[in-house]
Amino acid sequence: MDFTPLIAAGIFAILLLILGRRYNKLSQTQINDRQVYAAIRAYAELMKVDGEFHPNEAVLFEKFSNEEQKKLSTDYSQESKEFKFVWAKEENVFTSLKTYNETQLKNFFDNLFAMTVIDGEISEVEINLINIFYKNIKNTAVPAASKIVLAMFNDWKARNNF
């Protein structure tokens, strides 16, 4: 009995499995670009969530957006795969931001807090959105997320003499 076809089929199946895993794995560049697009979307969502537009929010959004765009591997593009992924659904924002390390996460939330206070008002809907970001990024229950976000916000206020 000739086992050559069975062996060849087995090797082919193993190769497909290995290559499939590599294909589904994101490169560090893709991860970084998704983080950038997700952060920019988060800042935009926070800026508009209270239904009011303050000129200082626009200035700060532009500053944060420009800082983020410098981290992109290519020019900012709404046609890029990473932009389309982040904007396809809300869950993708959280998925992209879950890849932040602790320093990046702290900086991201510091920026959210700055966006929250720049108009001179701290609205409940803004704080709720920040809680949602934390809850979904860290997979934390709502009460715990709220306590942690409050502690982070108080720390941010102390560091920024607010």
N, C-alpha and C. Protein backbone atom coordinates (compact mmCIF):
# COMPACT_ATOMS: atom_id res chain seq x y z
N MET A 1 0.84 -1.17 0.00
CA MET A 1 0.00 0.00 0.00
C MET A 1 0.89 1.24 0.00
N ASP A 2 0.59 2.17 -0.90
CA ASP A 2 1.38 3.39 -1.03
C ASP A 2 0.78 4.49 -0.16
N PHE A 3 1.53 4.94 0.85
CA PHE A 3 1.09 5.99 1.77
C PHE A 3 1.51 7.40 1.34
N THR A 4 2.18 7.51 0.23
CA THR A 4 2.68 8.79 -0.24
C THR A 4 1.58 9.86 -0.35
N PRO A 5 0.43 9.56 -0.97
CA PRO A 5 -0.62 10.59 -1.04
C PRO A 5 -1.13 11.02 0.34
N LEU A 6 -1.23 10.08 1.26
CA LEU A 6 -1.70 10.42 2.61
C LEU A 6 -0.68 11.28 3.35
N ILE A 7 0.59 10.94 3.20
CA ILE A 7 1.65 11.72 3.84
C ILE A 7 1.67 13.14 3.25
N ALA A 8 1.57 13.24 1.92
CA ALA A 8 1.56 14.55 1.26
C ALA A 8 0.36 15.37 1.72
N ALA A 9 -0.79 14.74 1.84
CA ALA A 9 -1.99 15.45 2.30
C ALA A 9 -1.82 15.91 3.74
N GLY A 10 -1.21 15.09 4.57
CA GLY A 10 -0.96 15.46 5.98
C GLY A 10 -0.01 16.63 6.08
N ILE A 11 1.06 16.59 5.32
CA ILE A 11 2.03 17.70 5.31
C ILE A 11 1.36 18.98 4.82
N PHE A 12 0.55 18.86 3.78
CA PHE A 12 -0.16 20.03 3.25
C PHE A 12 -1.09 20.63 4.30
N ALA A 13 -1.80 19.78 5.03
CA ALA A 13 -2.72 20.24 6.08
C ALA A 13 -1.96 20.95 7.19
N ILE A 14 -0.81 20.41 7.57
CA ILE A 14 0.01 21.05 8.61
C ILE A 14 0.52 22.40 8.13
N LEU A 15 0.98 22.47 6.90
CA LEU A 15 1.45 23.75 6.34
C LEU A 15 0.33 24.79 6.32
N LEU A 16 -0.86 24.39 5.93
CA LEU A 16 -1.99 25.32 5.93
C LEU A 16 -2.29 25.83 7.33
N LEU A 17 -2.20 24.94 8.30
CA LEU A 17 -2.44 25.32 9.69
C LEU A 17 -1.39 26.33 10.16
N ILE A 18 -0.13 26.06 9.89
CA ILE A 18 0.96 26.96 10.29
C ILE A 18 0.84 28.31 9.58
N LEU A 19 0.66 28.27 8.27
CA LEU A 19 0.56 29.51 7.50
C LEU A 19 -0.68 30.30 7.89
N GLY A 20 -1.75 29.62 8.18
CA GLY A 20 -2.98 30.28 8.61
C GLY A 20 -2.78 31.04 9.90
N ARG A 21 -2.04 30.48 10.82
CA ARG A 21 -1.76 31.17 12.09
C ARG A 21 -0.91 32.41 11.85
N ARG A 22 0.08 32.28 10.98
CA ARG A 22 0.92 33.44 10.67
C ARG A 22 0.12 34.53 9.97
N TYR A 23 -0.76 34.12 9.08
CA TYR A 23 -1.56 35.07 8.32
C TYR A 23 -2.47 35.88 9.24
N ASN A 24 -3.03 35.24 10.26
CA ASN A 24 -3.95 35.92 11.17
C ASN A 24 -3.25 36.76 12.23
N LYS A 25 -1.95 36.62 12.35
CA LYS A 25 -1.20 37.37 13.35
C LYS A 25 -0.85 38.76 12.78
N LEU A 26 -1.13 39.79 13.58
CA LEU A 26 -0.83 41.15 13.15
C LEU A 26 0.63 41.48 13.37
N SER A 27 1.18 42.28 12.49
CA SER A 27 2.54 42.76 12.68
C SER A 27 2.52 43.88 13.72
N GLN A 28 3.67 44.20 14.27
CA GLN A 28 3.75 45.29 15.24
C GLN A 28 3.34 46.61 14.59
N THR A 29 3.65 46.79 13.33
CA THR A 29 3.25 47.99 12.61
C THR A 29 1.74 48.11 12.52
N GLN A 30 1.07 47.00 12.21
CA GLN A 30 -0.39 47.02 12.15
C GLN A 30 -0.99 47.32 13.52
N ILE A 31 -0.43 46.73 14.56
CA ILE A 31 -0.90 46.98 15.92
C ILE A 31 -0.75 48.45 16.27
N ASN A 32 0.43 49.00 15.99
CA ASN A 32 0.69 50.42 16.31
C ASN A 32 -0.25 51.34 15.53
N ASP A 33 -0.45 51.06 14.26
CA ASP A 33 -1.33 51.90 13.45
C ASP A 33 -2.77 51.83 13.95
N ARG A 34 -3.20 50.64 14.35
CA ARG A 34 -4.56 50.51 14.90
C ARG A 34 -4.69 51.29 16.20
N GLN A 35 -3.65 51.26 17.02
CA GLN A 35 -3.67 52.03 18.26
C GLN A 35 -3.86 53.53 17.96
N VAL A 36 -3.15 54.01 16.99
CA VAL A 36 -3.23 55.42 16.62
C VAL A 36 -4.65 55.78 16.16
N TYR A 37 -5.17 55.02 15.23
CA TYR A 37 -6.52 55.31 14.72
C TYR A 37 -7.57 55.17 15.83
N ALA A 38 -7.38 54.22 16.72
CA ALA A 38 -8.33 54.03 17.82
C ALA A 38 -8.27 55.20 18.80
N ALA A 39 -7.07 55.66 19.12
CA ALA A 39 -6.94 56.79 20.03
C ALA A 39 -7.58 58.04 19.43
N ILE A 40 -7.33 58.29 18.17
CA ILE A 40 -7.91 59.47 17.51
C ILE A 40 -9.43 59.36 17.52
N ARG A 41 -9.95 58.18 17.24
CA ARG A 41 -11.41 58.02 17.28
C ARG A 41 -11.93 58.25 18.70
N ALA A 42 -11.23 57.74 19.69
CA ALA A 42 -11.66 57.93 21.08
C ALA A 42 -11.69 59.41 21.45
N TYR A 43 -10.68 60.16 21.06
CA TYR A 43 -10.65 61.59 21.36
C TYR A 43 -11.82 62.30 20.66
N ALA A 44 -12.09 61.91 19.43
CA ALA A 44 -13.21 62.52 18.70
C ALA A 44 -14.54 62.18 19.35
N GLU A 45 -14.71 60.93 19.76
CA GLU A 45 -15.95 60.51 20.42
C GLU A 45 -16.15 61.29 21.72
N LEU A 46 -15.08 61.45 22.48
CA LEU A 46 -15.18 62.18 23.74
C LEU A 46 -15.52 63.65 23.50
N MET A 47 -14.93 64.22 22.46
CA MET A 47 -15.16 65.62 22.16
C MET A 47 -16.63 65.89 21.83
N LYS A 48 -17.30 64.95 21.21
CA LYS A 48 -18.67 65.20 20.76
C LYS A 48 -19.74 64.62 21.69
N VAL A 49 -19.36 63.81 22.68
CA VAL A 49 -20.34 63.06 23.46
C VAL A 49 -21.28 63.95 24.27
N ASP A 50 -20.81 65.12 24.70
CA ASP A 50 -21.69 65.98 25.52
C ASP A 50 -22.60 66.86 24.66
N GLY A 51 -22.48 66.74 23.35
CA GLY A 51 -23.35 67.50 22.46
C GLY A 51 -22.96 68.96 22.31
N GLU A 52 -21.89 69.36 22.95
CA GLU A 52 -21.42 70.74 22.85
C GLU A 52 -20.05 70.77 22.21
N PHE A 53 -19.80 71.84 21.48
CA PHE A 53 -18.51 71.99 20.82
C PHE A 53 -17.84 73.24 21.38
N HIS A 54 -16.70 73.05 22.01
CA HIS A 54 -15.94 74.18 22.56
C HIS A 54 -14.66 74.32 21.74
N PRO A 55 -14.28 75.55 21.38
CA PRO A 55 -13.07 75.74 20.56
C PRO A 55 -11.81 75.13 21.20
N ASN A 56 -11.72 75.15 22.53
CA ASN A 56 -10.54 74.57 23.17
C ASN A 56 -10.47 73.06 22.97
N GLU A 57 -11.63 72.42 22.88
CA GLU A 57 -11.65 70.98 22.61
C GLU A 57 -11.07 70.70 21.22
N ALA A 58 -11.43 71.54 20.27
CA ALA A 58 -10.92 71.36 18.90
C ALA A 58 -9.40 71.53 18.86
N VAL A 59 -8.90 72.52 19.59
CA VAL A 59 -7.46 72.77 19.62
C VAL A 59 -6.74 71.57 20.24
N LEU A 60 -7.26 71.08 21.36
CA LEU A 60 -6.62 69.95 22.03
C LEU A 60 -6.75 68.68 21.21
N PHE A 61 -7.91 68.48 20.58
CA PHE A 61 -8.08 67.33 19.70
C PHE A 61 -7.05 67.36 18.58
N GLU A 62 -6.87 68.51 17.97
CA GLU A 62 -5.89 68.63 16.88
C GLU A 62 -4.48 68.32 17.39
N LYS A 63 -4.15 68.80 18.58
CA LYS A 63 -2.82 68.53 19.16
C LYS A 63 -2.64 67.03 19.37
N PHE A 64 -3.60 66.38 20.03
CA PHE A 64 -3.48 64.95 20.29
C PHE A 64 -3.49 64.15 18.99
N SER A 65 -4.32 64.54 18.06
CA SER A 65 -4.41 63.86 16.77
C SER A 65 -3.08 63.95 16.03
N ASN A 66 -2.48 65.12 16.02
CA ASN A 66 -1.19 65.29 15.35
C ASN A 66 -0.09 64.47 16.02
N GLU A 67 -0.11 64.43 17.36
CA GLU A 67 0.87 63.62 18.09
C GLU A 67 0.71 62.14 17.73
N GLU A 68 -0.53 61.69 17.66
CA GLU A 68 -0.78 60.29 17.32
C GLU A 68 -0.35 59.99 15.89
N GLN A 69 -0.68 60.88 14.97
CA GLN A 69 -0.39 60.63 13.56
C GLN A 69 1.11 60.49 13.30
N LYS A 70 1.93 61.12 14.12
CA LYS A 70 3.39 60.99 13.97
C LYS A 70 3.85 59.56 14.23
N LYS A 71 3.03 58.77 14.91
CA LYS A 71 3.37 57.39 15.23
C LYS A 71 2.99 56.41 14.11
N LEU A 72 2.24 56.89 13.13
CA LEU A 72 1.80 56.01 12.03
C LEU A 72 2.97 55.59 11.16
N SER A 73 2.87 54.41 10.59
CA SER A 73 3.91 53.91 9.70
C SER A 73 3.85 54.59 8.34
N THR A 74 2.68 55.11 7.97
CA THR A 74 2.48 55.84 6.71
C THR A 74 1.61 57.06 7.02
N ASP A 75 1.30 57.83 6.01
CA ASP A 75 0.44 58.99 6.21
C ASP A 75 -0.95 58.54 6.66
N TYR A 76 -1.60 59.41 7.42
CA TYR A 76 -2.97 59.17 7.86
C TYR A 76 -3.85 58.97 6.64
N SER A 77 -4.63 57.89 6.65
CA SER A 77 -5.47 57.62 5.49
C SER A 77 -6.75 56.90 5.91
N GLN A 78 -7.87 57.45 5.50
CA GLN A 78 -9.14 56.80 5.74
C GLN A 78 -9.32 55.57 4.86
N GLU A 79 -8.42 55.38 3.94
CA GLU A 79 -8.46 54.21 3.06
C GLU A 79 -7.60 53.06 3.59
N SER A 80 -6.85 53.29 4.66
CA SER A 80 -5.98 52.23 5.17
C SER A 80 -6.81 51.13 5.84
N LYS A 81 -6.27 49.93 5.81
CA LYS A 81 -6.95 48.79 6.43
C LYS A 81 -7.14 49.02 7.93
N GLU A 82 -6.14 49.62 8.57
CA GLU A 82 -6.23 49.83 10.01
C GLU A 82 -7.28 50.88 10.35
N PHE A 83 -7.37 51.95 9.58
CA PHE A 83 -8.42 52.96 9.80
C PHE A 83 -9.79 52.30 9.64
N LYS A 84 -9.97 51.56 8.56
CA LYS A 84 -11.26 50.92 8.30
C LYS A 84 -11.62 49.92 9.40
N PHE A 85 -10.63 49.20 9.90
CA PHE A 85 -10.88 48.26 10.99
C PHE A 85 -11.40 49.01 12.23
N VAL A 86 -10.71 50.05 12.62
CA VAL A 86 -11.08 50.79 13.84
C VAL A 86 -12.46 51.42 13.70
N TRP A 87 -12.78 51.94 12.53
CA TRP A 87 -14.05 52.64 12.34
C TRP A 87 -15.20 51.71 11.96
N ALA A 88 -14.92 50.43 11.72
CA ALA A 88 -15.97 49.50 11.31
C ALA A 88 -16.99 49.28 12.42
N LYS A 89 -16.51 49.17 13.66
CA LYS A 89 -17.44 49.00 14.79
C LYS A 89 -16.74 49.39 16.08
N GLU A 90 -17.54 49.78 17.04
CA GLU A 90 -17.03 50.28 18.32
C GLU A 90 -16.11 49.27 19.01
N GLU A 91 -16.48 48.02 18.95
CA GLU A 91 -15.68 46.97 19.59
C GLU A 91 -14.23 46.98 19.11
N ASN A 92 -14.01 47.34 17.86
CA ASN A 92 -12.66 47.35 17.29
C ASN A 92 -11.78 48.43 17.92
N VAL A 93 -12.40 49.50 18.39
CA VAL A 93 -11.64 50.54 19.10
C VAL A 93 -11.04 49.92 20.36
N PHE A 94 -11.88 49.23 21.12
CA PHE A 94 -11.42 48.62 22.37
C PHE A 94 -10.37 47.54 22.08
N THR A 95 -10.62 46.73 21.07
CA THR A 95 -9.66 45.68 20.70
C THR A 95 -8.30 46.29 20.39
N SER A 96 -8.30 47.39 19.68
CA SER A 96 -7.04 48.05 19.31
C SER A 96 -6.33 48.65 20.52
N LEU A 97 -7.11 49.22 21.43
CA LEU A 97 -6.52 49.86 22.60
C LEU A 97 -6.08 48.86 23.68
N LYS A 98 -6.60 47.65 23.62
CA LYS A 98 -6.19 46.61 24.56
C LYS A 98 -4.72 46.24 24.38
N THR A 99 -4.15 46.59 23.25
CA THR A 99 -2.75 46.27 22.97
C THR A 99 -1.78 47.29 23.57
N TYR A 100 -2.31 48.34 24.18
CA TYR A 100 -1.45 49.33 24.85
C TYR A 100 -0.71 48.68 26.02
N ASN A 101 0.53 49.11 26.24
CA ASN A 101 1.19 48.75 27.49
C ASN A 101 0.72 49.74 28.57
N GLU A 102 1.15 49.56 29.79
CA GLU A 102 0.64 50.38 30.89
C GLU A 102 0.98 51.86 30.73
N THR A 103 2.17 52.16 30.23
CA THR A 103 2.56 53.56 30.01
C THR A 103 1.68 54.21 28.94
N GLN A 104 1.48 53.50 27.84
CA GLN A 104 0.62 54.02 26.78
C GLN A 104 -0.81 54.22 27.29
N LEU A 105 -1.28 53.28 28.08
CA LEU A 105 -2.64 53.37 28.61
C LEU A 105 -2.78 54.57 29.53
N LYS A 106 -1.79 54.81 30.37
CA LYS A 106 -1.81 55.96 31.27
C LYS A 106 -1.83 57.26 30.47
N ASN A 107 -1.00 57.35 29.45
CA ASN A 107 -0.96 58.56 28.61
C ASN A 107 -2.29 58.77 27.89
N PHE A 108 -2.88 57.68 27.41
CA PHE A 108 -4.17 57.76 26.73
C PHE A 108 -5.23 58.32 27.68
N PHE A 109 -5.31 57.80 28.89
CA PHE A 109 -6.30 58.29 29.83
C PHE A 109 -5.98 59.71 30.30
N ASP A 110 -4.72 60.05 30.43
CA ASP A 110 -4.36 61.44 30.74
C ASP A 110 -4.90 62.37 29.66
N ASN A 111 -4.78 61.97 28.41
CA ASN A 111 -5.30 62.79 27.31
C ASN A 111 -6.83 62.89 27.37
N LEU A 112 -7.49 61.77 27.70
CA LEU A 112 -8.94 61.81 27.84
C LEU A 112 -9.36 62.78 28.95
N PHE A 113 -8.65 62.74 30.07
CA PHE A 113 -8.97 63.66 31.17
C PHE A 113 -8.76 65.11 30.75
N ALA A 114 -7.69 65.37 30.04
CA ALA A 114 -7.43 66.74 29.56
C ALA A 114 -8.55 67.20 28.63
N MET A 115 -9.00 66.29 27.75
CA MET A 115 -10.11 66.62 26.85
C MET A 115 -11.39 66.92 27.64
N THR A 116 -11.57 66.21 28.74
CA THR A 116 -12.78 66.38 29.55
C THR A 116 -12.83 67.75 30.21
N VAL A 117 -11.71 68.25 30.68
CA VAL A 117 -11.72 69.50 31.46
C VAL A 117 -11.45 70.74 30.63
N ILE A 118 -11.02 70.59 29.40
CA ILE A 118 -10.56 71.75 28.61
C ILE A 118 -11.67 72.77 28.36
N ASP A 119 -12.92 72.34 28.38
CA ASP A 119 -14.01 73.29 28.14
C ASP A 119 -14.52 73.93 29.43
N GLY A 120 -13.87 73.61 30.55
CA GLY A 120 -14.26 74.21 31.82
C GLY A 120 -15.38 73.46 32.53
N GLU A 121 -15.88 72.41 31.93
CA GLU A 121 -16.96 71.63 32.53
C GLU A 121 -16.59 70.15 32.47
N ILE A 122 -17.00 69.43 33.50
CA ILE A 122 -16.81 67.99 33.51
C ILE A 122 -18.21 67.39 33.50
N SER A 123 -18.61 66.91 32.33
CA SER A 123 -19.97 66.40 32.22
C SER A 123 -20.03 64.91 32.57
N GLU A 124 -21.17 64.50 33.04
CA GLU A 124 -21.38 63.11 33.42
C GLU A 124 -21.22 62.17 32.22
N VAL A 125 -21.69 62.61 31.06
CA VAL A 125 -21.58 61.75 29.87
C VAL A 125 -20.12 61.54 29.46
N GLU A 126 -19.29 62.55 29.68
CA GLU A 126 -17.87 62.40 29.37
C GLU A 126 -17.22 61.39 30.31
N ILE A 127 -17.51 61.52 31.59
CA ILE A 127 -16.95 60.58 32.57
C ILE A 127 -17.47 59.17 32.29
N ASN A 128 -18.75 59.06 31.95
CA ASN A 128 -19.31 57.74 31.63
C ASN A 128 -18.60 57.11 30.43
N LEU A 129 -18.29 57.92 29.42
CA LEU A 129 -17.59 57.40 28.25
C LEU A 129 -16.18 56.94 28.63
N ILE A 130 -15.50 57.69 29.48
CA ILE A 130 -14.17 57.28 29.93
C ILE A 130 -14.26 55.97 30.70
N ASN A 131 -15.30 55.84 31.53
CA ASN A 131 -15.52 54.58 32.26
C ASN A 131 -15.73 53.43 31.28
N ILE A 132 -16.48 53.67 30.22
CA ILE A 132 -16.73 52.64 29.21
C ILE A 132 -15.42 52.23 28.53
N PHE A 133 -14.59 53.22 28.22
CA PHE A 133 -13.29 52.90 27.62
C PHE A 133 -12.50 52.01 28.57
N TYR A 134 -12.40 52.41 29.83
CA TYR A 134 -11.60 51.63 30.77
C TYR A 134 -12.17 50.23 30.94
N LYS A 135 -13.47 50.15 31.14
CA LYS A 135 -14.15 48.86 31.34
C LYS A 135 -13.86 47.90 30.19
N ASN A 136 -13.96 48.40 28.97
CA ASN A 136 -13.78 47.54 27.79
C ASN A 136 -12.31 47.25 27.46
N ILE A 137 -11.44 48.18 27.75
CA ILE A 137 -10.02 47.95 27.48
C ILE A 137 -9.44 46.98 28.49
N LYS A 138 -9.83 47.13 29.75
CA LYS A 138 -9.26 46.30 30.82
C LYS A 138 -10.14 45.12 31.21
N ASN A 139 -11.29 44.96 30.55
CA ASN A 139 -12.22 43.87 30.89
C ASN A 139 -12.57 43.87 32.38
N THR A 140 -12.99 45.03 32.85
CA THR A 140 -13.30 45.23 34.26
C THR A 140 -14.80 45.47 34.42
N ALA A 141 -15.35 45.05 35.54
CA ALA A 141 -16.76 45.32 35.83
C ALA A 141 -16.97 46.81 36.02
N VAL A 142 -18.19 47.26 35.78
CA VAL A 142 -18.51 48.70 35.82
C VAL A 142 -18.16 49.35 37.15
N PRO A 143 -18.60 48.81 38.30
CA PRO A 143 -18.27 49.50 39.55
C PRO A 143 -16.77 49.63 39.78
N ALA A 144 -16.02 48.58 39.49
CA ALA A 144 -14.57 48.62 39.65
C ALA A 144 -13.95 49.63 38.69
N ALA A 145 -14.42 49.64 37.45
CA ALA A 145 -13.89 50.58 36.46
C ALA A 145 -14.12 52.01 36.90
N SER A 146 -15.30 52.30 37.42
CA SER A 146 -15.62 53.65 37.87
C SER A 146 -14.70 54.10 38.99
N LYS A 147 -14.43 53.21 39.93
CA LYS A 147 -13.53 53.55 41.04
C LYS A 147 -12.11 53.79 40.55
N ILE A 148 -11.67 52.95 39.66
CA ILE A 148 -10.31 53.09 39.13
C ILE A 148 -10.18 54.38 38.32
N VAL A 149 -11.17 54.65 37.47
CA VAL A 149 -11.13 55.87 36.66
C VAL A 149 -11.15 57.11 37.56
N LEU A 150 -11.95 57.08 38.61
CA LEU A 150 -11.99 58.20 39.55
C LEU A 150 -10.62 58.40 40.20
N ALA A 151 -9.99 57.33 40.61
CA ALA A 151 -8.65 57.42 41.21
C ALA A 151 -7.64 57.96 40.19
N MET A 152 -7.72 57.48 38.97
CA MET A 152 -6.82 57.97 37.91
C MET A 152 -7.05 59.45 37.65
N PHE A 153 -8.32 59.85 37.63
CA PHE A 153 -8.66 61.26 37.39
C PHE A 153 -8.14 62.13 38.53
N ASN A 154 -8.31 61.69 39.76
CA ASN A 154 -7.81 62.45 40.90
C ASN A 154 -6.29 62.57 40.86
N ASP A 155 -5.62 61.49 40.45
CA ASP A 155 -4.17 61.52 40.29
C ASP A 155 -3.78 62.51 39.19
N TRP A 156 -4.51 62.48 38.08
CA TRP A 156 -4.24 63.41 36.97
C TRP A 156 -4.41 64.86 37.44
N LYS A 157 -5.50 65.12 38.17
CA LYS A 157 -5.75 66.48 38.68
C LYS A 157 -4.61 66.93 39.58
N ALA A 158 -4.13 66.06 40.46
CA ALA A 158 -3.04 66.42 41.37
C ALA A 158 -1.75 66.71 40.60
N ARG A 159 -1.45 65.91 39.61
CA ARG A 159 -0.24 66.10 38.81
C ARG A 159 -0.30 67.36 37.95
N ASN A 160 -1.52 67.79 37.63
CA ASN A 160 -1.68 68.94 36.73
C ASN A 160 -2.20 70.17 37.47
N ASN A 161 -2.14 70.13 38.79
CA ASN A 161 -2.59 71.27 39.62
C ASN A 161 -3.98 71.74 39.22
N PHE A 162 -4.87 70.82 39.05
CA PHE A 162 -6.23 71.16 38.61
C PHE A 162 -7.17 71.17 39.79
